[in-house]
PDB file of all heavy atoms in Angstrom:
ATOM      1  N   THR A   1     -10.524  -2.286 -12.766  1.00  0.00           N
ATOM      2  CA  THR A   1     -10.455  -3.356 -11.773  1.00  0.00           C
ATOM      3  C   THR A   1      -9.757  -4.581 -12.353  1.00  0.00           C
ATOM      4  O   THR A   1     -10.006  -4.953 -13.494  1.00  0.00           O
ATOM      5  CB  THR A   1     -11.883  -3.746 -11.333  1.00  0.00           C
ATOM      6  OG1 THR A   1     -12.480  -2.646 -10.647  1.00  0.00           O
ATOM      7  CG2 THR A   1     -11.887  -4.970 -10.428  1.00  0.00           C
ATOM      8  N   MET A   2      -8.884  -5.229 -11.565  1.00  0.00           N
ATOM      9  CA  MET A   2      -8.295  -6.494 -11.988  1.00  0.00           C
ATOM     10  C   MET A   2      -9.305  -7.611 -11.740  1.00  0.00           C
ATOM     11  O   MET A   2      -9.799  -7.770 -10.628  1.00  0.00           O
ATOM     12  CB  MET A   2      -7.000  -6.777 -11.218  1.00  0.00           C
ATOM     13  CG  MET A   2      -6.343  -8.103 -11.599  1.00  0.00           C
ATOM     14  SD  MET A   2      -4.656  -8.304 -10.963  1.00  0.00           S
ATOM     15  CE  MET A   2      -4.917  -8.272  -9.190  1.00  0.00           C
ATOM     16  N   ARG A   3      -9.604  -8.382 -12.799  1.00  0.00           N
ATOM     17  CA  ARG A   3     -10.596  -9.447 -12.708  1.00  0.00           C
ATOM     18  C   ARG A   3      -9.939 -10.813 -12.881  1.00  0.00           C
ATOM     19  O   ARG A   3      -8.798 -10.944 -13.364  1.00  0.00           O
ATOM     20  CB  ARG A   3     -11.676  -9.276 -13.785  1.00  0.00           C
ATOM     21  CG  ARG A   3     -12.325  -7.903 -13.815  1.00  0.00           C
ATOM     22  CD  ARG A   3     -13.007  -7.556 -12.499  1.00  0.00           C
ATOM     23  NE  ARG A   3     -14.122  -8.442 -12.206  1.00  0.00           N
ATOM     24  CZ  ARG A   3     -15.378  -8.162 -12.542  1.00  0.00           C
ATOM     25  NH1 ARG A   3     -15.676  -7.037 -13.175  1.00  0.00           N
ATOM     26  NH2 ARG A   3     -16.349  -9.010 -12.225  1.00  0.00           N
ATOM     27  N   ALA A   4     -10.673 -11.850 -12.505  1.00  0.00           N
ATOM     28  CA  ALA A   4     -10.138 -13.216 -12.519  1.00  0.00           C
ATOM     29  C   ALA A   4      -9.743 -13.666 -13.914  1.00  0.00           C
ATOM     30  O   ALA A   4      -8.708 -14.312 -14.103  1.00  0.00           O
ATOM     31  CB  ALA A   4     -11.179 -14.174 -11.934  1.00  0.00           C
ATOM     32  N   SER A   5     -10.566 -13.352 -14.914  1.00  0.00           N
ATOM     33  CA  SER A   5     -10.316 -13.853 -16.265  1.00  0.00           C
ATOM     34  C   SER A   5      -8.980 -13.375 -16.809  1.00  0.00           C
ATOM     35  O   SER A   5      -8.214 -14.160 -17.399  1.00  0.00           O
ATOM     36  CB  SER A   5     -11.454 -13.424 -17.197  1.00  0.00           C
ATOM     37  OG  SER A   5     -11.615 -12.020 -17.179  1.00  0.00           O
ATOM     38  N   ALA A   6      -8.674 -12.073 -16.607  1.00  0.00           N
ATOM     39  CA  ALA A   6      -7.415 -11.528 -17.121  1.00  0.00           C
ATOM     40  C   ALA A   6      -6.219 -12.116 -16.370  1.00  0.00           C
ATOM     41  O   ALA A   6      -5.180 -12.423 -16.978  1.00  0.00           O
ATOM     42  CB  ALA A   6      -7.421 -10.014 -17.003  1.00  0.00           C
ATOM     43  N   LEU A   7      -6.362 -12.291 -15.059  1.00  0.00           N
ATOM     44  CA  LEU A   7      -5.271 -12.881 -14.275  1.00  0.00           C
ATOM     45  C   LEU A   7      -5.045 -14.326 -14.682  1.00  0.00           C
ATOM     46  O   LEU A   7      -3.900 -14.760 -14.879  1.00  0.00           O
ATOM     47  CB  LEU A   7      -5.594 -12.794 -12.782  1.00  0.00           C
ATOM     48  CG  LEU A   7      -4.576 -13.441 -11.831  1.00  0.00           C
ATOM     49  CD1 LEU A   7      -3.204 -12.803 -11.961  1.00  0.00           C
ATOM     50  CD2 LEU A   7      -5.072 -13.370 -10.383  1.00  0.00           C
ATOM     51  N   GLN A   8      -6.113 -15.090 -14.817  1.00  0.00           N
ATOM     52  CA  GLN A   8      -5.992 -16.502 -15.183  1.00  0.00           C
ATOM     53  C   GLN A   8      -5.331 -16.675 -16.548  1.00  0.00           C
ATOM     54  O   GLN A   8      -4.500 -17.566 -16.749  1.00  0.00           O
ATOM     55  CB  GLN A   8      -7.376 -17.160 -15.200  1.00  0.00           C
ATOM     56  CG  GLN A   8      -7.337 -18.680 -15.304  1.00  0.00           C
ATOM     57  CD  GLN A   8      -6.785 -19.351 -14.061  1.00  0.00           C
ATOM     58  OE1 GLN A   8      -7.330 -19.196 -12.971  1.00  0.00           O
ATOM     59  NE2 GLN A   8      -5.698 -20.099 -14.203  1.00  0.00           N
ATOM     60  N   GLU A   9      -5.683 -15.810 -17.474  1.00  0.00           N
ATOM     61  CA  GLU A   9      -5.087 -15.873 -18.812  1.00  0.00           C
ATOM     62  C   GLU A   9      -3.579 -15.667 -18.753  1.00  0.00           C
ATOM     63  O   GLU A   9      -2.813 -16.392 -19.398  1.00  0.00           O
ATOM     64  CB  GLU A   9      -5.724 -14.808 -19.707  1.00  0.00           C
ATOM     65  CG  GLU A   9      -5.241 -14.826 -21.147  1.00  0.00           C
ATOM     66  CD  GLU A   9      -5.904 -13.746 -21.996  1.00  0.00           C
ATOM     67  OE1 GLU A   9      -7.013 -13.293 -21.630  1.00  0.00           O
ATOM     68  OE2 GLU A   9      -5.308 -13.358 -23.015  1.00  0.00           O
ATOM     69  N   ALA A  10      -3.141 -14.686 -17.957  1.00  0.00           N
ATOM     70  CA  ALA A  10      -1.708 -14.430 -17.822  1.00  0.00           C
ATOM     71  C   ALA A  10      -1.001 -15.595 -17.133  1.00  0.00           C
ATOM     72  O   ALA A  10       0.114 -15.989 -17.529  1.00  0.00           O
ATOM     73  CB  ALA A  10      -1.488 -13.144 -17.029  1.00  0.00           C
ATOM     74  N   LEU A  11      -1.641 -16.187 -16.123  1.00  0.00           N
ATOM     75  CA  LEU A  11      -1.052 -17.331 -15.416  1.00  0.00           C
ATOM     76  C   LEU A  11      -0.836 -18.507 -16.354  1.00  0.00           C
ATOM     77  O   LEU A  11       0.235 -19.140 -16.362  1.00  0.00           O
ATOM     78  CB  LEU A  11      -1.961 -17.760 -14.259  1.00  0.00           C
ATOM     79  CG  LEU A  11      -2.067 -16.844 -13.050  1.00  0.00           C
ATOM     80  CD1 LEU A  11      -3.089 -17.402 -12.066  1.00  0.00           C
ATOM     81  CD2 LEU A  11      -0.726 -16.687 -12.376  1.00  0.00           C
ATOM     82  N   GLU A  12      -1.860 -18.820 -17.132  1.00  0.00           N
ATOM     83  CA  GLU A  12      -1.756 -19.971 -18.040  1.00  0.00           C
ATOM     84  C   GLU A  12      -0.666 -19.763 -19.069  1.00  0.00           C
ATOM     85  O   GLU A  12       0.088 -20.681 -19.405  1.00  0.00           O
ATOM     86  CB  GLU A  12      -3.107 -20.219 -18.727  1.00  0.00           C
ATOM     87  CG  GLU A  12      -4.248 -20.593 -17.784  1.00  0.00           C
ATOM     88  CD  GLU A  12      -3.921 -21.792 -16.915  1.00  0.00           C
ATOM     89  OE1 GLU A  12      -3.209 -22.705 -17.382  1.00  0.00           O
ATOM     90  OE2 GLU A  12      -4.363 -21.802 -15.735  1.00  0.00           O
ATOM     91  N   ARG A  13      -0.572 -18.538 -19.559  1.00  0.00           N
ATOM     92  CA  ARG A  13       0.450 -18.228 -20.558  1.00  0.00           C
ATOM     93  C   ARG A  13       1.855 -18.375 -19.968  1.00  0.00           C
ATOM     94  O   ARG A  13       2.762 -18.937 -20.594  1.00  0.00           O
ATOM     95  CB  ARG A  13       0.223 -16.811 -21.078  1.00  0.00           C
ATOM     96  CG  ARG A  13       1.102 -16.413 -22.256  1.00  0.00           C
ATOM     97  CD  ARG A  13       0.595 -15.161 -22.940  1.00  0.00           C
ATOM     98  NE  ARG A  13       0.466 -14.032 -22.011  1.00  0.00           N
ATOM     99  CZ  ARG A  13      -0.692 -13.469 -21.689  1.00  0.00           C
ATOM    100  NH1 ARG A  13      -1.825 -13.918 -22.201  1.00  0.00           N
ATOM    101  NH2 ARG A  13      -0.711 -12.454 -20.846  1.00  0.00           N
ATOM    102  N   ASP A  14       2.040 -17.892 -18.741  1.00  0.00           N
ATOM    103  CA  ASP A  14       3.362 -17.964 -18.116  1.00  0.00           C
ATOM    104  C   ASP A  14       3.719 -19.389 -17.705  1.00  0.00           C
ATOM    105  O   ASP A  14       4.879 -19.814 -17.837  1.00  0.00           O
ATOM    106  CB  ASP A  14       3.416 -17.034 -16.898  1.00  0.00           C
ATOM    107  CG  ASP A  14       3.525 -15.573 -17.305  1.00  0.00           C
ATOM    108  OD1 ASP A  14       3.943 -15.311 -18.445  1.00  0.00           O
ATOM    109  OD2 ASP A  14       3.178 -14.692 -16.494  1.00  0.00           O
ATOM    110  N   LYS A  15       2.747 -20.131 -17.202  1.00  0.00           N
ATOM    111  CA  LYS A  15       3.023 -21.529 -16.836  1.00  0.00           C
ATOM    112  C   LYS A  15       3.384 -22.348 -18.063  1.00  0.00           C
ATOM    113  O   LYS A  15       4.283 -23.205 -18.009  1.00  0.00           O
ATOM    114  CB  LYS A  15       1.818 -22.136 -16.115  1.00  0.00           C
ATOM    115  CG  LYS A  15       1.640 -21.608 -14.691  1.00  0.00           C
ATOM    116  CD  LYS A  15       0.670 -22.446 -13.879  1.00  0.00           C
ATOM    117  CE  LYS A  15      -0.746 -22.349 -14.421  1.00  0.00           C
ATOM    118  NZ  LYS A  15      -1.708 -23.119 -13.587  1.00  0.00           N
ATOM    119  N   ALA A  16       2.730 -22.085 -19.195  1.00  0.00           N
ATOM    120  CA  ALA A  16       3.049 -22.798 -20.439  1.00  0.00           C
ATOM    121  C   ALA A  16       4.464 -22.477 -20.911  1.00  0.00           C
ATOM    122  O   ALA A  16       5.104 -23.295 -21.581  1.00  0.00           O
ATOM    123  CB  ALA A  16       2.031 -22.428 -21.518  1.00  0.00           C
ATOM    124  N   ALA A  17       4.952 -21.293 -20.531  1.00  0.00           N
ATOM    125  CA  ALA A  17       6.311 -20.896 -20.913  1.00  0.00           C
ATOM    126  C   ALA A  17       7.356 -21.373 -19.908  1.00  0.00           C
ATOM    127  O   ALA A  17       8.538 -21.030 -20.024  1.00  0.00           O
ATOM    128  CB  ALA A  17       6.383 -19.376 -21.052  1.00  0.00           C
ATOM    129  N   GLY A  18       6.916 -22.154 -18.896  1.00  0.00           N
ATOM    130  CA  GLY A  18       7.848 -22.709 -17.919  1.00  0.00           C
ATOM    131  C   GLY A  18       8.172 -21.781 -16.768  1.00  0.00           C
ATOM    132  O   GLY A  18       9.112 -22.040 -16.004  1.00  0.00           O
ATOM    133  N   LEU A  19       7.395 -20.717 -16.621  1.00  0.00           N
ATOM    134  CA  LEU A  19       7.635 -19.774 -15.539  1.00  0.00           C
ATOM    135  C   LEU A  19       6.864 -20.187 -14.280  1.00  0.00           C
ATOM    136  O   LEU A  19       5.997 -21.057 -14.337  1.00  0.00           O
ATOM    137  CB  LEU A  19       7.229 -18.366 -15.978  1.00  0.00           C
ATOM    138  CG  LEU A  19       7.996 -17.815 -17.190  1.00  0.00           C
ATOM    139  CD1 LEU A  19       7.461 -16.459 -17.599  1.00  0.00           C
ATOM    140  CD2 LEU A  19       9.497 -17.742 -16.903  1.00  0.00           C
ATOM    141  N   ILE A  20       7.172 -19.547 -13.146  1.00  0.00           N
ATOM    142  CA  ILE A  20       6.589 -19.925 -11.860  1.00  0.00           C
ATOM    143  C   ILE A  20       5.841 -18.722 -11.258  1.00  0.00           C
ATOM    144  O   ILE A  20       6.455 -17.833 -10.661  1.00  0.00           O
ATOM    145  CB  ILE A  20       7.682 -20.392 -10.876  1.00  0.00           C
ATOM    146  CG1 ILE A  20       8.505 -21.532 -11.481  1.00  0.00           C
ATOM    147  CG2 ILE A  20       7.057 -20.825  -9.550  1.00  0.00           C
ATOM    148  CD1 ILE A  20       9.757 -21.875 -10.678  1.00  0.00           C
ATOM    149  N   PRO A  21       4.521 -18.665 -11.388  1.00  0.00           N
ATOM    150  CA  PRO A  21       3.746 -17.604 -10.731  1.00  0.00           C
ATOM    151  C   PRO A  21       3.796 -17.802  -9.215  1.00  0.00           C
ATOM    152  O   PRO A  21       3.590 -18.905  -8.724  1.00  0.00           O
ATOM    153  CB  PRO A  21       2.327 -17.812 -11.272  1.00  0.00           C
ATOM    154  CG  PRO A  21       2.500 -18.633 -12.515  1.00  0.00           C
ATOM    155  CD  PRO A  21       3.674 -19.526 -12.240  1.00  0.00           C
ATOM    156  N   PHE A  22       4.054 -16.719  -8.460  1.00  0.00           N
ATOM    157  CA  PHE A  22       4.200 -16.910  -7.009  1.00  0.00           C
ATOM    158  C   PHE A  22       3.601 -15.791  -6.164  1.00  0.00           C
ATOM    159  O   PHE A  22       3.409 -15.958  -4.959  1.00  0.00           O
ATOM    160  CB  PHE A  22       5.684 -17.059  -6.643  1.00  0.00           C
ATOM    161  CG  PHE A  22       6.427 -15.742  -6.527  1.00  0.00           C
ATOM    162  CD1 PHE A  22       6.819 -15.251  -5.284  1.00  0.00           C
ATOM    163  CD2 PHE A  22       6.739 -14.990  -7.654  1.00  0.00           C
ATOM    164  CE1 PHE A  22       7.497 -14.052  -5.169  1.00  0.00           C
ATOM    165  CE2 PHE A  22       7.417 -13.789  -7.553  1.00  0.00           C
ATOM    166  CZ  PHE A  22       7.806 -13.313  -6.307  1.00  0.00           C
ATOM    167  N   PHE A  23       3.261 -14.642  -6.756  1.00  0.00           N
ATOM    168  CA  PHE A  23       2.900 -13.469  -5.948  1.00  0.00           C
ATOM    169  C   PHE A  23       1.934 -12.583  -6.714  1.00  0.00           C
ATOM    170  O   PHE A  23       2.148 -12.303  -7.894  1.00  0.00           O
ATOM    171  CB  PHE A  23       4.179 -12.684  -5.622  1.00  0.00           C
ATOM    172  CG  PHE A  23       4.001 -11.511  -4.692  1.00  0.00           C
ATOM    173  CD1 PHE A  23       3.756 -11.687  -3.345  1.00  0.00           C
ATOM    174  CD2 PHE A  23       4.119 -10.205  -5.169  1.00  0.00           C
ATOM    175  CE1 PHE A  23       3.627 -10.603  -2.476  1.00  0.00           C
ATOM    176  CE2 PHE A  23       3.994  -9.120  -4.323  1.00  0.00           C
ATOM    177  CZ  PHE A  23       3.750  -9.320  -2.971  1.00  0.00           C
ATOM    178  N   VAL A  24       0.853 -12.170  -6.041  1.00  0.00           N
ATOM    179  CA  VAL A  24      -0.136 -11.275  -6.650  1.00  0.00           C
ATOM    180  C   VAL A  24      -0.408 -10.115  -5.705  1.00  0.00           C
ATOM    181  O   VAL A  24      -0.594 -10.315  -4.500  1.00  0.00           O
ATOM    182  CB  VAL A  24      -1.464 -12.006  -6.948  1.00  0.00           C
ATOM    183  CG1 VAL A  24      -2.521 -11.038  -7.469  1.00  0.00           C
ATOM    184  CG2 VAL A  24      -1.243 -13.133  -7.950  1.00  0.00           C
ATOM    185  N   VAL A  25      -0.410  -8.901  -6.253  1.00  0.00           N
ATOM    186  CA  VAL A  25      -0.800  -7.722  -5.481  1.00  0.00           C
ATOM    187  C   VAL A  25      -2.175  -7.277  -5.961  1.00  0.00           C
ATOM    188  O   VAL A  25      -2.368  -6.972  -7.143  1.00  0.00           O
ATOM    189  CB  VAL A  25       0.205  -6.567  -5.648  1.00  0.00           C
ATOM    190  CG1 VAL A  25      -0.291  -5.327  -4.893  1.00  0.00           C
ATOM    191  CG2 VAL A  25       1.578  -6.974  -5.162  1.00  0.00           C
ATOM    192  N   ALA A  26      -3.131  -7.253  -5.057  1.00  0.00           N
ATOM    193  CA  ALA A  26      -4.456  -6.705  -5.351  1.00  0.00           C
ATOM    194  C   ALA A  26      -4.567  -5.346  -4.657  1.00  0.00           C
ATOM    195  O   ALA A  26      -4.225  -5.227  -3.477  1.00  0.00           O
ATOM    196  CB  ALA A  26      -5.552  -7.641  -4.853  1.00  0.00           C
ATOM    197  N   THR A  27      -5.013  -4.343  -5.388  1.00  0.00           N
ATOM    198  CA  THR A  27      -5.093  -2.997  -4.834  1.00  0.00           C
ATOM    199  C   THR A  27      -6.529  -2.639  -4.496  1.00  0.00           C
ATOM    200  O   THR A  27      -7.435  -2.800  -5.321  1.00  0.00           O
ATOM    201  CB  THR A  27      -4.536  -1.966  -5.838  1.00  0.00           C
ATOM    202  OG1 THR A  27      -3.221  -2.348  -6.230  1.00  0.00           O
ATOM    203  CG2 THR A  27      -4.495  -0.575  -5.208  1.00  0.00           C
ATOM    204  N   LEU A  28      -6.738  -2.165  -3.282  1.00  0.00           N
ATOM    205  CA  LEU A  28      -8.032  -1.626  -2.875  1.00  0.00           C
ATOM    206  C   LEU A  28      -7.871  -0.111  -2.755  1.00  0.00           C
ATOM    207  O   LEU A  28      -7.278   0.385  -1.797  1.00  0.00           O
ATOM    208  CB  LEU A  28      -8.474  -2.229  -1.535  1.00  0.00           C
ATOM    209  CG  LEU A  28      -8.655  -3.749  -1.495  1.00  0.00           C
ATOM    210  CD1 LEU A  28      -9.165  -4.194  -0.132  1.00  0.00           C
ATOM    211  CD2 LEU A  28      -9.609  -4.215  -2.590  1.00  0.00           C
ATOM    212  N   GLY A  29      -8.348   0.612  -3.771  1.00  0.00           N
ATOM    213  CA  GLY A  29      -8.201   2.058  -3.806  1.00  0.00           C
ATOM    214  C   GLY A  29      -6.939   2.465  -4.538  1.00  0.00           C
ATOM    215  O   GLY A  29      -5.975   2.934  -3.928  1.00  0.00           O
ATOM    216  N   THR A  30      -6.927   2.282  -5.864  1.00  0.00           N
ATOM    217  CA  THR A  30      -5.725   2.594  -6.643  1.00  0.00           C
ATOM    218  C   THR A  30      -5.411   4.083  -6.588  1.00  0.00           C
ATOM    219  O   THR A  30      -6.292   4.923  -6.391  1.00  0.00           O
ATOM    220  CB  THR A  30      -5.896   2.174  -8.116  1.00  0.00           C
ATOM    221  OG1 THR A  30      -7.026   2.874  -8.676  1.00  0.00           O
ATOM    222  CG2 THR A  30      -6.109   0.680  -8.241  1.00  0.00           C
ATOM    223  N   THR A  31      -4.149   4.401  -6.764  1.00  0.00           N
ATOM    224  CA  THR A  31      -3.706   5.785  -6.676  1.00  0.00           C
ATOM    225  C   THR A  31      -4.332   6.648  -7.768  1.00  0.00           C
ATOM    226  O   THR A  31      -4.771   7.772  -7.515  1.00  0.00           O
ATOM    227  CB  THR A  31      -2.167   5.856  -6.763  1.00  0.00           C
ATOM    228  OG1 THR A  31      -1.610   5.080  -5.703  1.00  0.00           O
ATOM    229  CG2 THR A  31      -1.679   7.283  -6.653  1.00  0.00           C
ATOM    230  N   SER A  32      -4.380   6.139  -8.980  1.00  0.00           N
ATOM    231  CA  SER A  32      -4.868   6.938 -10.098  1.00  0.00           C
ATOM    232  C   SER A  32      -6.329   7.341  -9.937  1.00  0.00           C
ATOM    233  O   SER A  32      -6.684   8.508 -10.084  1.00  0.00           O
ATOM    234  CB  SER A  32      -4.691   6.176 -11.415  1.00  0.00           C
ATOM    235  OG  SER A  32      -3.328   5.997 -11.714  1.00  0.00           O
TER     236      SER A  32
END
């Protein structure tokens, strides 16, 4: 499952690098 903590960590890292987070896909019922 994708959780808030892992997403937030990636966002902070990318924003610090000057990138622009804009889109998130959440899956309900992953294929695997």
